[in-house]
ModelCIF file with pLDDT and N, C-alpha, C, O atoms, coordinates in Angstrom:
data_MODEL
#
_entry.id   MODEL 
#
_entity.id                         1 
_entity.type                       polymer 
_entity.pdbx_number_of_molecules   1 
#
_entity_poly.entity_id                      1 
_entity_poly.type                           'polypeptide(L)' 
_entity_poly.nstd_linkage                   no 
_entity_poly.nstd_monomer                   no 
_entity_poly.pdbx_seq_one_letter_code       PNGWVALTPLLLPTFFVPFLDKKIESYLDTYVIDTRNGFLYAHIAS 
_entity_poly.pdbx_seq_one_letter_code_can   PNGWVALTPLLLPTFFVPFLDKKIESYLDTYVIDTRNGFLYAHIAS 
_entity_poly.pdbx_strand_id                 A 
#
loop_
_entity_poly_seq.entity_id 
_entity_poly_seq.num 
_entity_poly_seq.mon_id 
_entity_poly_seq.hetero 
1 1  PRO n 
1 2  ASN n 
1 3  GLY n 
1 4  TRP n 
1 5  VAL n 
1 6  ALA n 
1 7  LEU n 
1 8  THR n 
1 9  PRO n 
1 10 LEU n 
1 11 LEU n 
1 12 LEU n 
1 13 PRO n 
1 14 THR n 
1 15 PHE n 
1 16 PHE n 
1 17 VAL n 
1 18 PRO n 
1 19 PHE n 
1 20 LEU n 
1 21 ASP n 
1 22 LYS n 
1 23 LYS n 
1 24 ILE n 
1 25 GLU n 
1 26 SER n 
1 27 TYR n 
1 28 LEU n 
1 29 ASP n 
1 30 THR n 
1 31 TYR n 
1 32 VAL n 
1 33 ILE n 
1 34 ASP n 
1 35 THR n 
1 36 ARG n 
1 37 ASN n 
1 38 GLY n 
1 39 PHE n 
1 40 LEU n 
1 41 TYR n 
1 42 ALA n 
1 43 HIS n 
1 44 ILE n 
1 45 ALA n 
1 46 SER n 
#
_struct_asym.id          A 
_struct_asym.entity_id   1 
#
loop_
_ma_qa_metric.id 
_ma_qa_metric.mode 
_ma_qa_metric.name 
_ma_qa_metric.software_group_id 
_ma_qa_metric.type 
1 global pLDDT . pLDDT 
2 local  pLDDT . pLDDT 
#
_ma_qa_metric_global.metric_id      1 
_ma_qa_metric_global.metric_value   85.00 
_ma_qa_metric_global.model_id       1 
_ma_qa_metric_global.ordinal_id     1 
#
loop_
_ma_qa_metric_local.label_asym_id 
_ma_qa_metric_local.label_comp_id 
_ma_qa_metric_local.label_seq_id 
_ma_qa_metric_local.metric_id 
_ma_qa_metric_local.metric_value 
_ma_qa_metric_local.model_id 
_ma_qa_metric_local.ordinal_id 
A PRO 1  2 83.00 1 1  
A ASN 2  2 82.00 1 2  
A GLY 3  2 81.00 1 3  
A TRP 4  2 78.00 1 4  
A VAL 5  2 79.00 1 5  
A ALA 6  2 81.00 1 6  
A LEU 7  2 78.00 1 7  
A THR 8  2 76.00 1 8  
A PRO 9  2 77.00 1 9  
A LEU 10 2 77.00 1 10 
A LEU 11 2 74.00 1 11 
A LEU 12 2 73.00 1 12 
A PRO 13 2 72.00 1 13 
A THR 14 2 72.00 1 14 
A PHE 15 2 74.00 1 15 
A PHE 16 2 76.00 1 16 
A VAL 17 2 79.00 1 17 
A PRO 18 2 80.00 1 18 
A PHE 19 2 79.00 1 19 
A LEU 20 2 81.00 1 20 
A ASP 21 2 85.00 1 21 
A LYS 22 2 86.00 1 22 
A LYS 23 2 88.00 1 23 
A ILE 24 2 88.00 1 24 
A GLU 25 2 92.00 1 25 
A SER 26 2 92.00 1 26 
A TYR 27 2 94.00 1 27 
A LEU 28 2 94.00 1 28 
A ASP 29 2 95.00 1 29 
A THR 30 2 93.00 1 30 
A TYR 31 2 94.00 1 31 
A VAL 32 2 91.00 1 32 
A ILE 33 2 91.00 1 33 
A ASP 34 2 90.00 1 34 
A THR 35 2 90.00 1 35 
A ARG 36 2 88.00 1 36 
A ASN 37 2 89.00 1 37 
A GLY 38 2 88.00 1 38 
A PHE 39 2 90.00 1 39 
A LEU 40 2 91.00 1 40 
A TYR 41 2 89.00 1 41 
A ALA 42 2 90.00 1 42 
A HIS 43 2 93.00 1 43 
A ILE 44 2 93.00 1 44 
A ALA 45 2 93.00 1 45 
A SER 46 2 91.00 1 46 
#
loop_
_atom_site.group_PDB 
_atom_site.id 
_atom_site.type_symbol 
_atom_site.label_atom_id 
_atom_site.label_alt_id 
_atom_site.label_comp_id 
_atom_site.label_asym_id 
_atom_site.label_entity_id 
_atom_site.label_seq_id 
_atom_site.pdbx_PDB_ins_code 
_atom_site.Cartn_x 
_atom_site.Cartn_y 
_atom_site.Cartn_z 
_atom_site.occupancy 
_atom_site.B_iso_or_equiv 
_atom_site.pdbx_formal_charge 
_atom_site.auth_seq_id 
_atom_site.auth_comp_id 
_atom_site.auth_asym_id 
_atom_site.auth_atom_id 
_atom_site.pdbx_PDB_model_num 
ATOM 1   N N  . PRO A 1 1  ? 13.430  14.302 -55.829 1.00 83.00 ? 1  PRO A N  1 
ATOM 2   C CA . PRO A 1 1  ? 14.037  13.086 -55.187 1.00 83.00 ? 1  PRO A CA 1 
ATOM 3   C C  . PRO A 1 1  ? 14.231  13.222 -53.783 1.00 83.00 ? 1  PRO A C  1 
ATOM 4   O O  . PRO A 1 1  ? 14.431  14.302 -53.227 1.00 83.00 ? 1  PRO A O  1 
ATOM 5   N N  . ASN A 1 2  ? 14.161  11.942 -53.126 1.00 82.00 ? 2  ASN A N  1 
ATOM 6   C CA . ASN A 1 2  ? 14.548  11.902 -51.810 1.00 82.00 ? 2  ASN A CA 1 
ATOM 7   C C  . ASN A 1 2  ? 15.809  11.132 -51.431 1.00 82.00 ? 2  ASN A C  1 
ATOM 8   O O  . ASN A 1 2  ? 16.711  11.120 -52.268 1.00 82.00 ? 2  ASN A O  1 
ATOM 9   N N  . GLY A 1 3  ? 15.964  10.574 -50.429 1.00 81.00 ? 3  GLY A N  1 
ATOM 10  C CA . GLY A 1 3  ? 17.237  9.741  -50.101 1.00 81.00 ? 3  GLY A CA 1 
ATOM 11  C C  . GLY A 1 3  ? 17.465  8.529  -50.744 1.00 81.00 ? 3  GLY A C  1 
ATOM 12  O O  . GLY A 1 3  ? 18.565  8.007  -50.925 1.00 81.00 ? 3  GLY A O  1 
ATOM 13  N N  . TRP A 1 4  ? 16.196  8.033  -51.137 1.00 78.00 ? 4  TRP A N  1 
ATOM 14  C CA . TRP A 1 4  ? 16.154  6.584  -51.771 1.00 78.00 ? 4  TRP A CA 1 
ATOM 15  C C  . TRP A 1 4  ? 16.439  6.736  -53.230 1.00 78.00 ? 4  TRP A C  1 
ATOM 16  O O  . TRP A 1 4  ? 16.303  5.790  -54.006 1.00 78.00 ? 4  TRP A O  1 
ATOM 17  N N  . VAL A 1 5  ? 16.837  7.935  -53.611 1.00 79.00 ? 5  VAL A N  1 
ATOM 18  C CA . VAL A 1 5  ? 17.051  7.961  -55.076 1.00 79.00 ? 5  VAL A CA 1 
ATOM 19  C C  . VAL A 1 5  ? 18.579  7.385  -55.454 1.00 79.00 ? 5  VAL A C  1 
ATOM 20  O O  . VAL A 1 5  ? 18.996  7.248  -56.604 1.00 79.00 ? 5  VAL A O  1 
ATOM 21  N N  . ALA A 1 6  ? 19.277  7.097  -54.295 1.00 81.00 ? 6  ALA A N  1 
ATOM 22  C CA . ALA A 1 6  ? 20.560  6.388  -54.520 1.00 81.00 ? 6  ALA A CA 1 
ATOM 23  C C  . ALA A 1 6  ? 20.512  5.113  -54.882 1.00 81.00 ? 6  ALA A C  1 
ATOM 24  O O  . ALA A 1 6  ? 21.547  4.578  -55.277 1.00 81.00 ? 6  ALA A O  1 
ATOM 25  N N  . LEU A 1 7  ? 19.345  4.418  -54.816 1.00 78.00 ? 7  LEU A N  1 
ATOM 26  C CA . LEU A 1 7  ? 19.110  3.226  -55.303 1.00 78.00 ? 7  LEU A CA 1 
ATOM 27  C C  . LEU A 1 7  ? 18.614  2.995  -56.763 1.00 78.00 ? 7  LEU A C  1 
ATOM 28  O O  . LEU A 1 7  ? 18.568  1.877  -57.278 1.00 78.00 ? 7  LEU A O  1 
ATOM 29  N N  . THR A 1 8  ? 18.229  4.216  -57.418 1.00 76.00 ? 8  THR A N  1 
ATOM 30  C CA . THR A 1 8  ? 17.763  4.207  -58.901 1.00 76.00 ? 8  THR A CA 1 
ATOM 31  C C  . THR A 1 8  ? 18.929  3.676  -59.934 1.00 76.00 ? 8  THR A C  1 
ATOM 32  O O  . THR A 1 8  ? 18.548  3.288  -61.038 1.00 76.00 ? 8  THR A O  1 
ATOM 33  N N  . PRO A 1 9  ? 20.220  3.644  -59.648 1.00 77.00 ? 9  PRO A N  1 
ATOM 34  C CA . PRO A 1 9  ? 21.095  3.246  -60.753 1.00 77.00 ? 9  PRO A CA 1 
ATOM 35  C C  . PRO A 1 9  ? 20.881  1.632  -60.898 1.00 77.00 ? 9  PRO A C  1 
ATOM 36  O O  . PRO A 1 9  ? 21.209  1.015  -61.912 1.00 77.00 ? 9  PRO A O  1 
ATOM 37  N N  . LEU A 1 10 ? 20.239  0.985  -59.652 1.00 77.00 ? 10 LEU A N  1 
ATOM 38  C CA . LEU A 1 10 ? 19.914  -0.362 -59.913 1.00 77.00 ? 10 LEU A CA 1 
ATOM 39  C C  . LEU A 1 10 ? 18.444  -0.446 -60.562 1.00 77.00 ? 10 LEU A C  1 
ATOM 40  O O  . LEU A 1 10 ? 17.592  0.328  -60.127 1.00 77.00 ? 10 LEU A O  1 
ATOM 41  N N  . LEU A 1 11 ? 18.134  -1.288 -61.513 1.00 74.00 ? 11 LEU A N  1 
ATOM 42  C CA . LEU A 1 11 ? 17.031  -0.983 -62.289 1.00 74.00 ? 11 LEU A CA 1 
ATOM 43  C C  . LEU A 1 11 ? 15.792  -1.677 -61.583 1.00 74.00 ? 11 LEU A C  1 
ATOM 44  O O  . LEU A 1 11 ? 14.706  -1.106 -61.690 1.00 74.00 ? 11 LEU A O  1 
ATOM 45  N N  . LEU A 1 12 ? 15.861  -2.779 -60.922 1.00 73.00 ? 12 LEU A N  1 
ATOM 46  C CA . LEU A 1 12 ? 14.612  -3.416 -60.180 1.00 73.00 ? 12 LEU A CA 1 
ATOM 47  C C  . LEU A 1 12 ? 14.282  -2.374 -59.087 1.00 73.00 ? 12 LEU A C  1 
ATOM 48  O O  . LEU A 1 12 ? 13.091  -2.065 -59.141 1.00 73.00 ? 12 LEU A O  1 
ATOM 49  N N  . PRO A 1 13 ? 14.992  -1.712 -58.075 1.00 72.00 ? 13 PRO A N  1 
ATOM 50  C CA . PRO A 1 13 ? 14.526  -0.848 -57.030 1.00 72.00 ? 13 PRO A CA 1 
ATOM 51  C C  . PRO A 1 13 ? 13.819  0.276  -57.527 1.00 72.00 ? 13 PRO A C  1 
ATOM 52  O O  . PRO A 1 13 ? 12.994  0.832  -56.802 1.00 72.00 ? 13 PRO A O  1 
ATOM 53  N N  . THR A 1 14 ? 14.091  0.759  -58.918 1.00 72.00 ? 14 THR A N  1 
ATOM 54  C CA . THR A 1 14 ? 13.314  1.899  -59.412 1.00 72.00 ? 14 THR A CA 1 
ATOM 55  C C  . THR A 1 14 ? 11.901  1.725  -59.335 1.00 72.00 ? 14 THR A C  1 
ATOM 56  O O  . THR A 1 14 ? 11.178  2.656  -58.982 1.00 72.00 ? 14 THR A O  1 
ATOM 57  N N  . PHE A 1 15 ? 11.419  0.514  -59.664 1.00 74.00 ? 15 PHE A N  1 
ATOM 58  C CA . PHE A 1 15 ? 9.928   0.318  -59.700 1.00 74.00 ? 15 PHE A CA 1 
ATOM 59  C C  . PHE A 1 15 ? 9.183   0.089  -58.397 1.00 74.00 ? 15 PHE A C  1 
ATOM 60  O O  . PHE A 1 15 ? 7.955   0.140  -58.323 1.00 74.00 ? 15 PHE A O  1 
ATOM 61  N N  . PHE A 1 16 ? 10.091  -0.198 -57.243 1.00 76.00 ? 16 PHE A N  1 
ATOM 62  C CA . PHE A 1 16 ? 9.598   -0.692 -55.940 1.00 76.00 ? 16 PHE A CA 1 
ATOM 63  C C  . PHE A 1 16 ? 9.774   0.300  -54.889 1.00 76.00 ? 16 PHE A C  1 
ATOM 64  O O  . PHE A 1 16 ? 8.924   0.413  -54.005 1.00 76.00 ? 16 PHE A O  1 
ATOM 65  N N  . VAL A 1 17 ? 10.905  1.085  -54.927 1.00 79.00 ? 17 VAL A N  1 
ATOM 66  C CA . VAL A 1 17 ? 11.452  1.896  -53.889 1.00 79.00 ? 17 VAL A CA 1 
ATOM 67  C C  . VAL A 1 17 ? 10.781  3.374  -53.995 1.00 79.00 ? 17 VAL A C  1 
ATOM 68  O O  . VAL A 1 17 ? 10.964  3.934  -55.076 1.00 79.00 ? 17 VAL A O  1 
ATOM 69  N N  . PRO A 1 18 ? 10.014  4.092  -53.001 1.00 80.00 ? 18 PRO A N  1 
ATOM 70  C CA . PRO A 1 18 ? 9.524   5.326  -53.132 1.00 80.00 ? 18 PRO A CA 1 
ATOM 71  C C  . PRO A 1 18 ? 10.673  6.507  -53.243 1.00 80.00 ? 18 PRO A C  1 
ATOM 72  O O  . PRO A 1 18 ? 10.776  7.296  -52.305 1.00 80.00 ? 18 PRO A O  1 
ATOM 73  N N  . PHE A 1 19 ? 11.341  6.597  -54.136 1.00 79.00 ? 19 PHE A N  1 
ATOM 74  C CA . PHE A 1 19 ? 12.263  7.578  -54.125 1.00 79.00 ? 19 PHE A CA 1 
ATOM 75  C C  . PHE A 1 19 ? 12.031  9.183  -54.772 1.00 79.00 ? 19 PHE A C  1 
ATOM 76  O O  . PHE A 1 19 ? 12.903  10.010 -55.038 1.00 79.00 ? 19 PHE A O  1 
ATOM 77  N N  . LEU A 1 20 ? 10.635  9.292  -54.911 1.00 81.00 ? 20 LEU A N  1 
ATOM 78  C CA . LEU A 1 20 ? 10.040  10.722 -55.189 1.00 81.00 ? 20 LEU A CA 1 
ATOM 79  C C  . LEU A 1 20 ? 9.221   11.239 -54.124 1.00 81.00 ? 20 LEU A C  1 
ATOM 80  O O  . LEU A 1 20 ? 8.470   10.529 -53.456 1.00 81.00 ? 20 LEU A O  1 
ATOM 81  N N  . ASP A 1 21 ? 9.368   12.473 -53.969 1.00 85.00 ? 21 ASP A N  1 
ATOM 82  C CA . ASP A 1 21 ? 8.449   13.217 -53.029 1.00 85.00 ? 21 ASP A CA 1 
ATOM 83  C C  . ASP A 1 21 ? 7.622   13.918 -53.935 1.00 85.00 ? 21 ASP A C  1 
ATOM 84  O O  . ASP A 1 21 ? 8.257   14.671 -54.673 1.00 85.00 ? 21 ASP A O  1 
ATOM 85  N N  . LYS A 1 22 ? 6.350   13.902 -54.113 1.00 86.00 ? 22 LYS A N  1 
ATOM 86  C CA . LYS A 1 22 ? 5.339   14.760 -54.800 1.00 86.00 ? 22 LYS A CA 1 
ATOM 87  C C  . LYS A 1 22 ? 4.269   15.685 -54.082 1.00 86.00 ? 22 LYS A C  1 
ATOM 88  O O  . LYS A 1 22 ? 3.542   15.308 -53.163 1.00 86.00 ? 22 LYS A O  1 
ATOM 89  N N  . LYS A 1 23 ? 4.281   16.763 -54.556 1.00 88.00 ? 23 LYS A N  1 
ATOM 90  C CA . LYS A 1 23 ? 3.212   17.561 -53.995 1.00 88.00 ? 23 LYS A CA 1 
ATOM 91  C C  . LYS A 1 23 ? 2.533   18.394 -55.144 1.00 88.00 ? 23 LYS A C  1 
ATOM 92  O O  . LYS A 1 23 ? 3.118   18.903 -56.100 1.00 88.00 ? 23 LYS A O  1 
ATOM 93  N N  . ILE A 1 24 ? 1.223   18.435 -54.876 1.00 88.00 ? 24 ILE A N  1 
ATOM 94  C CA . ILE A 1 24 ? 0.292   19.068 -55.877 1.00 88.00 ? 24 ILE A CA 1 
ATOM 95  C C  . ILE A 1 24 ? -0.236  20.374 -55.199 1.00 88.00 ? 24 ILE A C  1 
ATOM 96  O O  . ILE A 1 24 ? -0.583  20.453 -54.020 1.00 88.00 ? 24 ILE A O  1 
ATOM 97  N N  . GLU A 1 25 ? -0.246  21.394 -56.122 1.00 92.00 ? 25 GLU A N  1 
ATOM 98  C CA . GLU A 1 25 ? -0.892  22.611 -56.000 1.00 92.00 ? 25 GLU A CA 1 
ATOM 99  C C  . GLU A 1 25 ? -1.736  23.085 -56.841 1.00 92.00 ? 25 GLU A C  1 
ATOM 100 O O  . GLU A 1 25 ? -1.349  23.352 -57.978 1.00 92.00 ? 25 GLU A O  1 
ATOM 101 N N  . SER A 1 26 ? -3.137  23.303 -56.444 1.00 92.00 ? 26 SER A N  1 
ATOM 102 C CA . SER A 1 26 ? -4.221  23.429 -57.486 1.00 92.00 ? 26 SER A CA 1 
ATOM 103 C C  . SER A 1 26 ? -4.589  24.971 -57.048 1.00 92.00 ? 26 SER A C  1 
ATOM 104 O O  . SER A 1 26 ? -4.367  25.435 -55.930 1.00 92.00 ? 26 SER A O  1 
ATOM 105 N N  . TYR A 1 27 ? -5.155  25.628 -58.072 1.00 94.00 ? 27 TYR A N  1 
ATOM 106 C CA . TYR A 1 27 ? -5.863  27.044 -57.786 1.00 94.00 ? 27 TYR A CA 1 
ATOM 107 C C  . TYR A 1 27 ? -6.942  27.236 -58.604 1.00 94.00 ? 27 TYR A C  1 
ATOM 108 O O  . TYR A 1 27 ? -6.997  26.654 -59.687 1.00 94.00 ? 27 TYR A O  1 
ATOM 109 N N  . LEU A 1 28 ? -7.953  28.099 -58.172 1.00 94.00 ? 28 LEU A N  1 
ATOM 110 C CA . LEU A 1 28 ? -9.140  28.328 -58.843 1.00 94.00 ? 28 LEU A CA 1 
ATOM 111 C C  . LEU A 1 28 ? -9.266  29.994 -58.776 1.00 94.00 ? 28 LEU A C  1 
ATOM 112 O O  . LEU A 1 28 ? -9.274  30.514 -57.660 1.00 94.00 ? 28 LEU A O  1 
ATOM 113 N N  . ASP A 1 29 ? -9.340  30.632 -59.684 1.00 95.00 ? 29 ASP A N  1 
ATOM 114 C CA . ASP A 1 29 ? -9.471  32.013 -59.481 1.00 95.00 ? 29 ASP A CA 1 
ATOM 115 C C  . ASP A 1 29 ? -10.797 32.345 -60.322 1.00 95.00 ? 29 ASP A C  1 
ATOM 116 O O  . ASP A 1 29 ? -10.970 31.886 -61.450 1.00 95.00 ? 29 ASP A O  1 
ATOM 117 N N  . THR A 1 30 ? -11.776 33.235 -59.636 1.00 93.00 ? 30 THR A N  1 
ATOM 118 C CA . THR A 1 30 ? -12.962 33.595 -60.022 1.00 93.00 ? 30 THR A CA 1 
ATOM 119 C C  . THR A 1 30 ? -13.217 35.023 -60.262 1.00 93.00 ? 30 THR A C  1 
ATOM 120 O O  . THR A 1 30 ? -12.971 35.793 -59.333 1.00 93.00 ? 30 THR A O  1 
ATOM 121 N N  . TYR A 1 31 ? -13.609 35.428 -61.211 1.00 94.00 ? 31 TYR A N  1 
ATOM 122 C CA . TYR A 1 31 ? -13.914 36.863 -61.532 1.00 94.00 ? 31 TYR A CA 1 
ATOM 123 C C  . TYR A 1 31 ? -15.379 37.058 -61.855 1.00 94.00 ? 31 TYR A C  1 
ATOM 124 O O  . TYR A 1 31 ? -15.887 36.437 -62.788 1.00 94.00 ? 31 TYR A O  1 
ATOM 125 N N  . VAL A 1 32 ? -16.059 37.886 -61.125 1.00 91.00 ? 32 VAL A N  1 
ATOM 126 C CA . VAL A 1 32 ? -17.420 38.480 -61.431 1.00 91.00 ? 32 VAL A CA 1 
ATOM 127 C C  . VAL A 1 32 ? -17.449 39.914 -61.916 1.00 91.00 ? 32 VAL A C  1 
ATOM 128 O O  . VAL A 1 32 ? -17.171 40.793 -61.101 1.00 91.00 ? 32 VAL A O  1 
ATOM 129 N N  . ILE A 1 33 ? -17.736 40.214 -63.067 1.00 91.00 ? 33 ILE A N  1 
ATOM 130 C CA . ILE A 1 33 ? -17.594 41.354 -63.730 1.00 91.00 ? 33 ILE A CA 1 
ATOM 131 C C  . ILE A 1 33 ? -18.943 41.734 -64.198 1.00 91.00 ? 33 ILE A C  1 
ATOM 132 O O  . ILE A 1 33 ? -19.747 40.925 -64.660 1.00 91.00 ? 33 ILE A O  1 
ATOM 133 N N  . ASP A 1 34 ? -19.190 43.206 -64.036 1.00 90.00 ? 34 ASP A N  1 
ATOM 134 C CA . ASP A 1 34 ? -20.513 43.795 -64.522 1.00 90.00 ? 34 ASP A CA 1 
ATOM 135 C C  . ASP A 1 34 ? -20.195 43.980 -66.116 1.00 90.00 ? 34 ASP A C  1 
ATOM 136 O O  . ASP A 1 34 ? -19.104 44.347 -66.555 1.00 90.00 ? 34 ASP A O  1 
ATOM 137 N N  . THR A 1 35 ? -21.133 43.720 -66.757 1.00 90.00 ? 35 THR A N  1 
ATOM 138 C CA . THR A 1 35 ? -21.033 43.723 -68.390 1.00 90.00 ? 35 THR A CA 1 
ATOM 139 C C  . THR A 1 35 ? -21.322 45.228 -68.814 1.00 90.00 ? 35 THR A C  1 
ATOM 140 O O  . THR A 1 35 ? -20.875 45.675 -69.870 1.00 90.00 ? 35 THR A O  1 
ATOM 141 N N  . ARG A 1 36 ? -22.011 45.909 -68.031 1.00 88.00 ? 36 ARG A N  1 
ATOM 142 C CA . ARG A 1 36 ? -22.255 47.278 -68.692 1.00 88.00 ? 36 ARG A CA 1 
ATOM 143 C C  . ARG A 1 36 ? -21.018 48.248 -68.475 1.00 88.00 ? 36 ARG A C  1 
ATOM 144 O O  . ARG A 1 36 ? -20.596 48.975 -69.374 1.00 88.00 ? 36 ARG A O  1 
ATOM 145 N N  . ASN A 1 37 ? -20.532 48.199 -67.332 1.00 89.00 ? 37 ASN A N  1 
ATOM 146 C CA . ASN A 1 37 ? -19.402 49.188 -66.930 1.00 89.00 ? 37 ASN A CA 1 
ATOM 147 C C  . ASN A 1 37 ? -18.032 48.402 -66.628 1.00 89.00 ? 37 ASN A C  1 
ATOM 148 O O  . ASN A 1 37 ? -17.045 49.069 -66.318 1.00 89.00 ? 37 ASN A O  1 
ATOM 149 N N  . GLY A 1 38 ? -17.967 47.350 -66.689 1.00 88.00 ? 38 GLY A N  1 
ATOM 150 C CA . GLY A 1 38 ? -16.627 46.613 -66.322 1.00 88.00 ? 38 GLY A CA 1 
ATOM 151 C C  . GLY A 1 38 ? -16.209 46.574 -64.936 1.00 88.00 ? 38 GLY A C  1 
ATOM 152 O O  . GLY A 1 38 ? -15.041 46.352 -64.616 1.00 88.00 ? 38 GLY A O  1 
ATOM 153 N N  . PHE A 1 39 ? -17.256 46.811 -64.010 1.00 90.00 ? 39 PHE A N  1 
ATOM 154 C CA . PHE A 1 39 ? -16.830 46.952 -62.624 1.00 90.00 ? 39 PHE A CA 1 
ATOM 155 C C  . PHE A 1 39 ? -16.640 45.599 -62.226 1.00 90.00 ? 39 PHE A C  1 
ATOM 156 O O  . PHE A 1 39 ? -17.475 44.734 -62.488 1.00 90.00 ? 39 PHE A O  1 
ATOM 157 N N  . LEU A 1 40 ? -15.527 45.359 -61.573 1.00 91.00 ? 40 LEU A N  1 
ATOM 158 C CA . LEU A 1 40 ? -15.057 43.966 -60.915 1.00 91.00 ? 40 LEU A CA 1 
ATOM 159 C C  . LEU A 1 40 ? -16.055 43.893 -59.576 1.00 91.00 ? 40 LEU A C  1 
ATOM 160 O O  . LEU A 1 40 ? -15.871 44.714 -58.678 1.00 91.00 ? 40 LEU A O  1 
ATOM 161 N N  . TYR A 1 41 ? -17.064 42.943 -59.463 1.00 89.00 ? 41 TYR A N  1 
ATOM 162 C CA . TYR A 1 41 ? -17.577 42.911 -58.252 1.00 89.00 ? 41 TYR A CA 1 
ATOM 163 C C  . TYR A 1 41 ? -16.961 41.944 -57.380 1.00 89.00 ? 41 TYR A C  1 
ATOM 164 O O  . TYR A 1 41 ? -17.199 42.118 -56.185 1.00 89.00 ? 41 TYR A O  1 
ATOM 165 N N  . ALA A 1 42 ? -16.239 40.982 -57.681 1.00 90.00 ? 42 ALA A N  1 
ATOM 166 C CA . ALA A 1 42 ? -15.440 39.986 -56.737 1.00 90.00 ? 42 ALA A CA 1 
ATOM 167 C C  . ALA A 1 42 ? -14.518 39.244 -57.559 1.00 90.00 ? 42 ALA A C  1 
ATOM 168 O O  . ALA A 1 42 ? -14.735 38.865 -58.710 1.00 90.00 ? 42 ALA A O  1 
ATOM 169 N N  . HIS A 1 43 ? -13.323 39.039 -56.785 1.00 93.00 ? 43 HIS A N  1 
ATOM 170 C CA . HIS A 1 43 ? -12.523 38.087 -57.207 1.00 93.00 ? 43 HIS A CA 1 
ATOM 171 C C  . HIS A 1 43 ? -12.200 37.102 -56.056 1.00 93.00 ? 43 HIS A C  1 
ATOM 172 O O  . HIS A 1 43 ? -11.765 37.506 -54.978 1.00 93.00 ? 43 HIS A O  1 
ATOM 173 N N  . ILE A 1 44 ? -12.405 35.930 -56.294 1.00 93.00 ? 44 ILE A N  1 
ATOM 174 C CA . ILE A 1 44 ? -12.356 34.763 -55.443 1.00 93.00 ? 44 ILE A CA 1 
ATOM 175 C C  . ILE A 1 44 ? -11.101 33.899 -55.819 1.00 93.00 ? 44 ILE A C  1 
ATOM 176 O O  . ILE A 1 44 ? -11.051 33.217 -56.843 1.00 93.00 ? 44 ILE A O  1 
ATOM 177 N N  . ALA A 1 45 ? -10.176 33.986 -54.970 1.00 93.00 ? 45 ALA A N  1 
ATOM 178 C CA . ALA A 1 45 ? -9.069  33.155 -54.967 1.00 93.00 ? 45 ALA A CA 1 
ATOM 179 C C  . ALA A 1 45 ? -9.092  31.881 -54.203 1.00 93.00 ? 45 ALA A C  1 
ATOM 180 O O  . ALA A 1 45 ? -9.115  32.069 -52.987 1.00 93.00 ? 45 ALA A O  1 
ATOM 181 N N  . SER A 1 46 ? -9.092  30.600 -54.588 1.00 91.00 ? 46 SER A N  1 
ATOM 182 C CA . SER A 1 46 ? -9.081  29.481 -53.910 1.00 91.00 ? 46 SER A CA 1 
ATOM 183 C C  . SER A 1 46 ? -7.863  28.680 -54.186 1.00 91.00 ? 46 SER A C  1 
ATOM 184 O O  . SER A 1 46 ? -7.697  27.596 -53.627 1.00 91.00 ? 46 SER A O  1 
#
């Protein structure tokens, strides 16, 4: 919540006032593994 959250007890401003701050974090881990000996060729973290 940000400072506008003070208006949320009033029902109507809840739908129109931007009272939430949102942040998205995404990740992708990739592992390349040799099937014969289990050697980890690469680990790519994005």
